[in-house]
Amino acid sequence: VEATSPGSQHTCQSFGFTLAHKIVYADVPFLSALGGQ
């Protein structure tokens, strides 16, 4: 699963998925306005 929001990320965690990688939106030029973590 590529989880794009806290809701989908929580769902994955509740089913025992492993976080394999992440990219913070603030570090992506076209998504930097999202800010935060």
ModelCIF file with pLDDT and N, C-alpha, C, O atoms, coordinates in Angstrom:
data_MODEL
#
_entry.id   MODEL 
#
_entity.id                         1 
_entity.type                       polymer 
_entity.pdbx_number_of_molecules   1 
#
_entity_poly.entity_id                      1 
_entity_poly.type                           'polypeptide(L)' 
_entity_poly.nstd_linkage                   no 
_entity_poly.nstd_monomer                   no 
_entity_poly.pdbx_seq_one_letter_code       VEATSPGSQHTCQSFGFTLAHKIVYADVPFLSALGGQ 
_entity_poly.pdbx_seq_one_letter_code_can   VEATSPGSQHTCQSFGFTLAHKIVYADVPFLSALGGQ 
_entity_poly.pdbx_strand_id                 A 
#
loop_
_entity_poly_seq.entity_id 
_entity_poly_seq.num 
_entity_poly_seq.mon_id 
_entity_poly_seq.hetero 
1 1  VAL n 
1 2  GLU n 
1 3  ALA n 
1 4  THR n 
1 5  SER n 
1 6  PRO n 
1 7  GLY n 
1 8  SER n 
1 9  GLN n 
1 10 HIS n 
1 11 THR n 
1 12 CYS n 
1 13 GLN n 
1 14 SER n 
1 15 PHE n 
1 16 GLY n 
1 17 PHE n 
1 18 THR n 
1 19 LEU n 
1 20 ALA n 
1 21 HIS n 
1 22 LYS n 
1 23 ILE n 
1 24 VAL n 
1 25 TYR n 
1 26 ALA n 
1 27 ASP n 
1 28 VAL n 
1 29 PRO n 
1 30 PHE n 
1 31 LEU n 
1 32 SER n 
1 33 ALA n 
1 34 LEU n 
1 35 GLY n 
1 36 GLY n 
1 37 GLN n 
#
_struct_asym.id          A 
_struct_asym.entity_id   1 
#
loop_
_ma_qa_metric.id 
_ma_qa_metric.mode 
_ma_qa_metric.name 
_ma_qa_metric.software_group_id 
_ma_qa_metric.type 
1 global pLDDT . pLDDT 
2 local  pLDDT . pLDDT 
#
_ma_qa_metric_global.metric_id      1 
_ma_qa_metric_global.metric_value   92.51 
_ma_qa_metric_global.model_id       1 
_ma_qa_metric_global.ordinal_id     1 
#
loop_
_ma_qa_metric_local.label_asym_id 
_ma_qa_metric_local.label_comp_id 
_ma_qa_metric_local.label_seq_id 
_ma_qa_metric_local.metric_id 
_ma_qa_metric_local.metric_value 
_ma_qa_metric_local.model_id 
_ma_qa_metric_local.ordinal_id 
A VAL 1  2 97.00 1 1  
A GLU 2  2 96.00 1 2  
A ALA 3  2 95.00 1 3  
A THR 4  2 92.00 1 4  
A SER 5  2 89.00 1 5  
A PRO 6  2 89.00 1 6  
A GLY 7  2 88.00 1 7  
A SER 8  2 91.00 1 8  
A GLN 9  2 94.00 1 9  
A HIS 10 2 94.00 1 10 
A THR 11 2 93.00 1 11 
A CYS 12 2 95.00 1 12 
A GLN 13 2 96.00 1 13 
A SER 14 2 95.00 1 14 
A PHE 15 2 96.00 1 15 
A GLY 16 2 97.00 1 16 
A PHE 17 2 98.00 1 17 
A THR 18 2 97.00 1 18 
A LEU 19 2 98.00 1 19 
A ALA 20 2 98.00 1 20 
A HIS 21 2 98.00 1 21 
A LYS 22 2 97.00 1 22 
A ILE 23 2 96.00 1 23 
A VAL 24 2 95.00 1 24 
A TYR 25 2 93.00 1 25 
A ALA 26 2 92.00 1 26 
A ASP 27 2 93.00 1 27 
A VAL 28 2 93.00 1 28 
A PRO 29 2 91.00 1 29 
A PHE 30 2 88.00 1 30 
A LEU 31 2 90.00 1 31 
A SER 32 2 88.00 1 32 
A ALA 33 2 86.00 1 33 
A LEU 34 2 84.00 1 34 
A GLY 35 2 80.00 1 35 
A GLY 36 2 84.00 1 36 
A GLN 37 2 87.00 1 37 
#
loop_
_atom_site.group_PDB 
_atom_site.id 
_atom_site.type_symbol 
_atom_site.label_atom_id 
_atom_site.label_alt_id 
_atom_site.label_comp_id 
_atom_site.label_asym_id 
_atom_site.label_entity_id 
_atom_site.label_seq_id 
_atom_site.pdbx_PDB_ins_code 
_atom_site.Cartn_x 
_atom_site.Cartn_y 
_atom_site.Cartn_z 
_atom_site.occupancy 
_atom_site.B_iso_or_equiv 
_atom_site.pdbx_formal_charge 
_atom_site.auth_seq_id 
_atom_site.auth_comp_id 
_atom_site.auth_asym_id 
_atom_site.auth_atom_id 
_atom_site.pdbx_PDB_model_num 
ATOM 1   N N  . VAL A 1 1  ? 0.845  -1.192 0.000  1.00 97.00 ? 1  VAL A N  1 
ATOM 2   C CA . VAL A 1 1  ? 0.000  0.000  0.000  1.00 97.00 ? 1  VAL A CA 1 
ATOM 3   C C  . VAL A 1 1  ? 0.880  1.241  0.000  1.00 97.00 ? 1  VAL A C  1 
ATOM 4   O O  . VAL A 1 1  ? 1.835  1.330  0.772  1.00 97.00 ? 1  VAL A O  1 
ATOM 5   N N  . GLU A 1 2  ? 0.560  2.205  -0.870 1.00 96.00 ? 2  GLU A N  1 
ATOM 6   C CA . GLU A 1 2  ? 1.135  3.543  -0.759 1.00 96.00 ? 2  GLU A CA 1 
ATOM 7   C C  . GLU A 1 2  ? 0.104  4.400  -0.023 1.00 96.00 ? 2  GLU A C  1 
ATOM 8   O O  . GLU A 1 2  ? -0.909 4.787  -0.606 1.00 96.00 ? 2  GLU A O  1 
ATOM 9   N N  . ALA A 1 3  ? 0.356  4.696  1.245  1.00 95.00 ? 3  ALA A N  1 
ATOM 10  C CA . ALA A 1 3  ? -0.614 5.395  2.090  1.00 95.00 ? 3  ALA A CA 1 
ATOM 11  C C  . ALA A 1 3  ? -0.298 6.886  2.112  1.00 95.00 ? 3  ALA A C  1 
ATOM 12  O O  . ALA A 1 3  ? 0.796  7.293  2.503  1.00 95.00 ? 3  ALA A O  1 
ATOM 13  N N  . THR A 1 4  ? -1.263 7.694  1.689  1.00 92.00 ? 4  THR A N  1 
ATOM 14  C CA . THR A 1 4  ? -1.010 9.116  1.492  1.00 92.00 ? 4  THR A CA 1 
ATOM 15  C C  . THR A 1 4  ? -1.514 10.010 2.617  1.00 92.00 ? 4  THR A C  1 
ATOM 16  O O  . THR A 1 4  ? -1.194 11.198 2.654  1.00 92.00 ? 4  THR A O  1 
ATOM 17  N N  . SER A 1 5  ? -2.304 9.448  3.538  1.00 89.00 ? 5  SER A N  1 
ATOM 18  C CA . SER A 1 5  ? -2.918 10.271 4.578  1.00 89.00 ? 5  SER A CA 1 
ATOM 19  C C  . SER A 1 5  ? -2.878 9.546  5.919  1.00 89.00 ? 5  SER A C  1 
ATOM 20  O O  . SER A 1 5  ? -2.692 8.330  5.954  1.00 89.00 ? 5  SER A O  1 
ATOM 21  N N  . PRO A 1 6  ? -3.050 10.271 7.023  1.00 89.00 ? 6  PRO A N  1 
ATOM 22  C CA . PRO A 1 6  ? -3.034 9.613  8.339  1.00 89.00 ? 6  PRO A CA 1 
ATOM 23  C C  . PRO A 1 6  ? -4.065 8.512  8.478  1.00 89.00 ? 6  PRO A C  1 
ATOM 24  O O  . PRO A 1 6  ? -3.809 7.508  9.142  1.00 89.00 ? 6  PRO A O  1 
ATOM 25  N N  . GLY A 1 7  ? -5.251 8.683  7.853  1.00 88.00 ? 7  GLY A N  1 
ATOM 26  C CA . GLY A 1 7  ? -6.280 7.658  7.965  1.00 88.00 ? 7  GLY A CA 1 
ATOM 27  C C  . GLY A 1 7  ? -5.860 6.344  7.345  1.00 88.00 ? 7  GLY A C  1 
ATOM 28  O O  . GLY A 1 7  ? -6.005 5.292  7.967  1.00 88.00 ? 7  GLY A O  1 
ATOM 29  N N  . SER A 1 8  ? -5.338 6.385  6.121  1.00 91.00 ? 8  SER A N  1 
ATOM 30  C CA . SER A 1 8  ? -4.913 5.147  5.457  1.00 91.00 ? 8  SER A CA 1 
ATOM 31  C C  . SER A 1 8  ? -3.682 4.559  6.126  1.00 91.00 ? 8  SER A C  1 
ATOM 32  O O  . SER A 1 8  ? -3.509 3.340  6.153  1.00 91.00 ? 8  SER A O  1 
ATOM 33  N N  . GLN A 1 9  ? -2.830 5.416  6.664  1.00 94.00 ? 9  GLN A N  1 
ATOM 34  C CA . GLN A 1 9  ? -1.636 4.933  7.366  1.00 94.00 ? 9  GLN A CA 1 
ATOM 35  C C  . GLN A 1 9  ? -2.024 4.203  8.648  1.00 94.00 ? 9  GLN A C  1 
ATOM 36  O O  . GLN A 1 9  ? -1.448 3.168  8.982  1.00 94.00 ? 9  GLN A O  1 
ATOM 37  N N  . HIS A 1 10 ? -2.990 4.743  9.349  1.00 94.00 ? 10 HIS A N  1 
ATOM 38  C CA . HIS A 1 10 ? -3.466 4.078  10.581 1.00 94.00 ? 10 HIS A CA 1 
ATOM 39  C C  . HIS A 1 10 ? -4.094 2.725  10.252 1.00 94.00 ? 10 HIS A C  1 
ATOM 40  O O  . HIS A 1 10 ? -3.898 1.750  10.978 1.00 94.00 ? 10 HIS A O  1 
ATOM 41  N N  . THR A 1 11 ? -4.857 2.671  9.146  1.00 93.00 ? 11 THR A N  1 
ATOM 42  C CA . THR A 1 11 ? -5.476 1.407  8.749  1.00 93.00 ? 11 THR A CA 1 
ATOM 43  C C  . THR A 1 11 ? -4.415 0.351  8.471  1.00 93.00 ? 11 THR A C  1 
ATOM 44  O O  . THR A 1 11 ? -4.543 -0.792 8.911  1.00 93.00 ? 11 THR A O  1 
ATOM 45  N N  . CYS A 1 12 ? -3.371 0.727  7.745  1.00 95.00 ? 12 CYS A N  1 
ATOM 46  C CA . CYS A 1 12 ? -2.287 -0.224 7.463  1.00 95.00 ? 12 CYS A CA 1 
ATOM 47  C C  . CYS A 1 12 ? -1.645 -0.719 8.747  1.00 95.00 ? 12 CYS A C  1 
ATOM 48  O O  . CYS A 1 12 ? -1.395 -1.915 8.898  1.00 95.00 ? 12 CYS A O  1 
ATOM 49  N N  . GLN A 1 13 ? -1.380 0.179  9.661  1.00 96.00 ? 13 GLN A N  1 
ATOM 50  C CA . GLN A 1 13 ? -0.756 -0.203 10.924 1.00 96.00 ? 13 GLN A CA 1 
ATOM 51  C C  . GLN A 1 13 ? -1.642 -1.162 11.709 1.00 96.00 ? 13 GLN A C  1 
ATOM 52  O O  . GLN A 1 13 ? -1.145 -2.092 12.344 1.00 96.00 ? 13 GLN A O  1 
ATOM 53  N N  . SER A 1 14 ? -2.953 -0.936 11.666 1.00 95.00 ? 14 SER A N  1 
ATOM 54  C CA . SER A 1 14 ? -3.873 -1.783 12.428 1.00 95.00 ? 14 SER A CA 1 
ATOM 55  C C  . SER A 1 14 ? -3.931 -3.209 11.876 1.00 95.00 ? 14 SER A C  1 
ATOM 56  O O  . SER A 1 14 ? -4.323 -4.132 12.591 1.00 95.00 ? 14 SER A O  1 
ATOM 57  N N  . PHE A 1 15 ? -3.545 -3.397 10.612 1.00 96.00 ? 15 PHE A N  1 
ATOM 58  C CA . PHE A 1 15 ? -3.519 -4.730 10.013 1.00 96.00 ? 15 PHE A CA 1 
ATOM 59  C C  . PHE A 1 15 ? -2.127 -5.356 10.047 1.00 96.00 ? 15 PHE A C  1 
ATOM 60  O O  . PHE A 1 15 ? -1.912 -6.418 9.464  1.00 96.00 ? 15 PHE A O  1 
ATOM 61  N N  . GLY A 1 16 ? -1.188 -4.712 10.720 1.00 97.00 ? 16 GLY A N  1 
ATOM 62  C CA . GLY A 1 16 ? 0.126  -5.304 10.898 1.00 97.00 ? 16 GLY A CA 1 
ATOM 63  C C  . GLY A 1 16 ? 1.118  -5.058 9.788  1.00 97.00 ? 16 GLY A C  1 
ATOM 64  O O  . GLY A 1 16 ? 2.158  -5.715 9.739  1.00 97.00 ? 16 GLY A O  1 
ATOM 65  N N  . PHE A 1 17 ? 0.823  -4.117 8.882  1.00 98.00 ? 17 PHE A N  1 
ATOM 66  C CA . PHE A 1 17 ? 1.771  -3.776 7.835  1.00 98.00 ? 17 PHE A CA 1 
ATOM 67  C C  . PHE A 1 17 ? 3.034  -3.149 8.435  1.00 98.00 ? 17 PHE A C  1 
ATOM 68  O O  . PHE A 1 17 ? 2.989  -2.521 9.493  1.00 98.00 ? 17 PHE A O  1 
ATOM 69  N N  . THR A 1 18 ? 4.152  -3.330 7.742  1.00 97.00 ? 18 THR A N  1 
ATOM 70  C CA . THR A 1 18 ? 5.423  -2.726 8.116  1.00 97.00 ? 18 THR A CA 1 
ATOM 71  C C  . THR A 1 18 ? 5.658  -1.459 7.296  1.00 97.00 ? 18 THR A C  1 
ATOM 72  O O  . THR A 1 18 ? 5.486  -1.464 6.077  1.00 97.00 ? 18 THR A O  1 
ATOM 73  N N  . LEU A 1 19 ? 6.049  -0.381 7.963  1.00 98.00 ? 19 LEU A N  1 
ATOM 74  C CA . LEU A 1 19 ? 6.436  0.834  7.249  1.00 98.00 ? 19 LEU A CA 1 
ATOM 75  C C  . LEU A 1 19 ? 7.774  0.581  6.576  1.00 98.00 ? 19 LEU A C  1 
ATOM 76  O O  . LEU A 1 19 ? 8.788  0.398  7.249  1.00 98.00 ? 19 LEU A O  1 
ATOM 77  N N  . ALA A 1 20 ? 7.775  0.570  5.234  1.00 98.00 ? 20 ALA A N  1 
ATOM 78  C CA . ALA A 1 20 ? 8.968  0.215  4.470  1.00 98.00 ? 20 ALA A CA 1 
ATOM 79  C C  . ALA A 1 20 ? 9.742  1.429  3.981  1.00 98.00 ? 20 ALA A C  1 
ATOM 80  O O  . ALA A 1 20 ? 10.935 1.326  3.695  1.00 98.00 ? 20 ALA A O  1 
ATOM 81  N N  . HIS A 1 21 ? 9.089  2.563  3.884  1.00 98.00 ? 21 HIS A N  1 
ATOM 82  C CA . HIS A 1 21 ? 9.768  3.805  3.481  1.00 98.00 ? 21 HIS A CA 1 
ATOM 83  C C  . HIS A 1 21 ? 8.759  4.943  3.559  1.00 98.00 ? 21 HIS A C  1 
ATOM 84  O O  . HIS A 1 21 ? 7.550  4.721  3.499  1.00 98.00 ? 21 HIS A O  1 
ATOM 85  N N  . LYS A 1 22 ? 9.268  6.157  3.692  1.00 97.00 ? 22 LYS A N  1 
ATOM 86  C CA . LYS A 1 22 ? 8.375  7.304  3.626  1.00 97.00 ? 22 LYS A CA 1 
ATOM 87  C C  . LYS A 1 22 ? 9.115  8.511  3.054  1.00 97.00 ? 22 LYS A C  1 
ATOM 88  O O  . LYS A 1 22 ? 10.336 8.627  3.158  1.00 97.00 ? 22 LYS A O  1 
ATOM 89  N N  . ILE A 1 23 ? 8.337  9.403  2.447  1.00 96.00 ? 23 ILE A N  1 
ATOM 90  C CA . ILE A 1 23 ? 8.860  10.661 1.918  1.00 96.00 ? 23 ILE A CA 1 
ATOM 91  C C  . ILE A 1 23 ? 8.007  11.781 2.503  1.00 96.00 ? 23 ILE A C  1 
ATOM 92  O O  . ILE A 1 23 ? 6.798  11.831 2.276  1.00 96.00 ? 23 ILE A O  1 
ATOM 93  N N  . VAL A 1 24 ? 8.628  12.664 3.242  1.00 95.00 ? 24 VAL A N  1 
ATOM 94  C CA . VAL A 1 24 ? 7.904  13.770 3.877  1.00 95.00 ? 24 VAL A CA 1 
ATOM 95  C C  . VAL A 1 24 ? 7.496  14.779 2.805  1.00 95.00 ? 24 VAL A C  1 
ATOM 96  O O  . VAL A 1 24 ? 8.319  15.193 1.989  1.00 95.00 ? 24 VAL A O  1 
ATOM 97  N N  . TYR A 1 25 ? 6.235  15.166 2.813  1.00 93.00 ? 25 TYR A N  1 
ATOM 98  C CA . TYR A 1 25 ? 5.727  16.065 1.778  1.00 93.00 ? 25 TYR A CA 1 
ATOM 99  C C  . TYR A 1 25 ? 6.477  17.396 1.742  1.00 93.00 ? 25 TYR A C  1 
ATOM 100 O O  . TYR A 1 25 ? 6.671  17.973 0.672  1.00 93.00 ? 25 TYR A O  1 
ATOM 101 N N  . ALA A 1 26 ? 6.892  17.875 2.897  1.00 92.00 ? 26 ALA A N  1 
ATOM 102 C CA . ALA A 1 26 ? 7.581  19.163 2.953  1.00 92.00 ? 26 ALA A CA 1 
ATOM 103 C C  . ALA A 1 26 ? 8.890  19.151 2.165  1.00 92.00 ? 26 ALA A C  1 
ATOM 104 O O  . ALA A 1 26 ? 9.408  20.205 1.797  1.00 92.00 ? 26 ALA A O  1 
ATOM 105 N N  . ASP A 1 27 ? 9.422  17.952 1.908  1.00 93.00 ? 27 ASP A N  1 
ATOM 106 C CA . ASP A 1 27 ? 10.683 17.829 1.162  1.00 93.00 ? 27 ASP A CA 1 
ATOM 107 C C  . ASP A 1 27 ? 10.464 17.657 -0.343 1.00 93.00 ? 27 ASP A C  1 
ATOM 108 O O  . ASP A 1 27 ? 11.424 17.509 -1.100 1.00 93.00 ? 27 ASP A O  1 
ATOM 109 N N  . VAL A 1 28 ? 9.208  17.678 -0.771 1.00 93.00 ? 28 VAL A N  1 
ATOM 110 C CA . VAL A 1 28 ? 8.877  17.517 -2.193 1.00 93.00 ? 28 VAL A CA 1 
ATOM 111 C C  . VAL A 1 28 ? 8.411  18.866 -2.722 1.00 93.00 ? 28 VAL A C  1 
ATOM 112 O O  . VAL A 1 28 ? 7.414  19.394 -2.228 1.00 93.00 ? 28 VAL A O  1 
ATOM 113 N N  . PRO A 1 29 ? 9.090  19.443 -3.705 1.00 91.00 ? 29 PRO A N  1 
ATOM 114 C CA . PRO A 1 29 ? 8.758  20.803 -4.153 1.00 91.00 ? 29 PRO A CA 1 
ATOM 115 C C  . PRO A 1 29 ? 7.279  21.047 -4.421 1.00 91.00 ? 29 PRO A C  1 
ATOM 116 O O  . PRO A 1 29 ? 6.734  22.044 -3.948 1.00 91.00 ? 29 PRO A O  1 
ATOM 117 N N  . PHE A 1 30 ? 6.610  20.163 -5.169 1.00 88.00 ? 30 PHE A N  1 
ATOM 118 C CA . PHE A 1 30 ? 5.217  20.467 -5.515 1.00 88.00 ? 30 PHE A CA 1 
ATOM 119 C C  . PHE A 1 30 ? 4.243  20.183 -4.365 1.00 88.00 ? 30 PHE A C  1 
ATOM 120 O O  . PHE A 1 30 ? 3.051  20.472 -4.473 1.00 88.00 ? 30 PHE A O  1 
ATOM 121 N N  . LEU A 1 31 ? 4.759  19.613 -3.257 1.00 90.00 ? 31 LEU A N  1 
ATOM 122 C CA . LEU A 1 31 ? 3.924  19.341 -2.086 1.00 90.00 ? 31 LEU A CA 1 
ATOM 123 C C  . LEU A 1 31 ? 4.374  20.104 -0.847 1.00 90.00 ? 31 LEU A C  1 
ATOM 124 O O  . LEU A 1 31 ? 3.816  19.914 0.234  1.00 90.00 ? 31 LEU A O  1 
ATOM 125 N N  . SER A 1 32 ? 5.370  20.957 -0.993 1.00 88.00 ? 32 SER A N  1 
ATOM 126 C CA . SER A 1 32 ? 5.971  21.618 0.172  1.00 88.00 ? 32 SER A CA 1 
ATOM 127 C C  . SER A 1 32 ? 4.977  22.469 0.950  1.00 88.00 ? 32 SER A C  1 
ATOM 128 O O  . SER A 1 32 ? 5.166  22.700 2.144  1.00 88.00 ? 32 SER A O  1 
ATOM 129 N N  . ALA A 1 33 ? 3.921  22.939 0.290  1.00 86.00 ? 33 ALA A N  1 
ATOM 130 C CA . ALA A 1 33 ? 2.927  23.760 0.977  1.00 86.00 ? 33 ALA A CA 1 
ATOM 131 C C  . ALA A 1 33 ? 2.188  22.981 2.059  1.00 86.00 ? 33 ALA A C  1 
ATOM 132 O O  . ALA A 1 33 ? 1.602  23.581 2.960  1.00 86.00 ? 33 ALA A O  1 
ATOM 133 N N  . LEU A 1 34 ? 2.209  21.657 1.982  1.00 84.00 ? 34 LEU A N  1 
ATOM 134 C CA . LEU A 1 34 ? 1.543  20.859 3.001  1.00 84.00 ? 34 LEU A CA 1 
ATOM 135 C C  . LEU A 1 34 ? 2.245  20.971 4.346  1.00 84.00 ? 34 LEU A C  1 
ATOM 136 O O  . LEU A 1 34 ? 1.609  20.871 5.396  1.00 84.00 ? 34 LEU A O  1 
ATOM 137 N N  . GLY A 1 35 ? 3.576  21.182 4.313  1.00 80.00 ? 35 GLY A N  1 
ATOM 138 C CA . GLY A 1 35 ? 4.352  21.415 5.532  1.00 80.00 ? 35 GLY A CA 1 
ATOM 139 C C  . GLY A 1 35 ? 4.272  20.286 6.542  1.00 80.00 ? 35 GLY A C  1 
ATOM 140 O O  . GLY A 1 35 ? 3.764  19.204 6.248  1.00 80.00 ? 35 GLY A O  1 
ATOM 141 N N  . GLY A 1 36 ? 4.782  20.555 7.744  1.00 84.00 ? 36 GLY A N  1 
ATOM 142 C CA . GLY A 1 36 ? 4.723  19.613 8.840  1.00 84.00 ? 36 GLY A CA 1 
ATOM 143 C C  . GLY A 1 36 ? 5.433  18.304 8.545  1.00 84.00 ? 36 GLY A C  1 
ATOM 144 O O  . GLY A 1 36 ? 6.359  18.247 7.736  1.00 84.00 ? 36 GLY A O  1 
ATOM 145 N N  . GLN A 1 37 ? 4.976  17.248 9.222  1.00 87.00 ? 37 GLN A N  1 
ATOM 146 C CA . GLN A 1 37 ? 5.579  15.932 9.090  1.00 87.00 ? 37 GLN A CA 1 
ATOM 147 C C  . GLN A 1 37 ? 4.717  14.964 8.292  1.00 87.00 ? 37 GLN A C  1 
ATOM 148 O O  . GLN A 1 37 ? 5.100  13.810 8.098  1.00 87.00 ? 37 GLN A O  1 
#
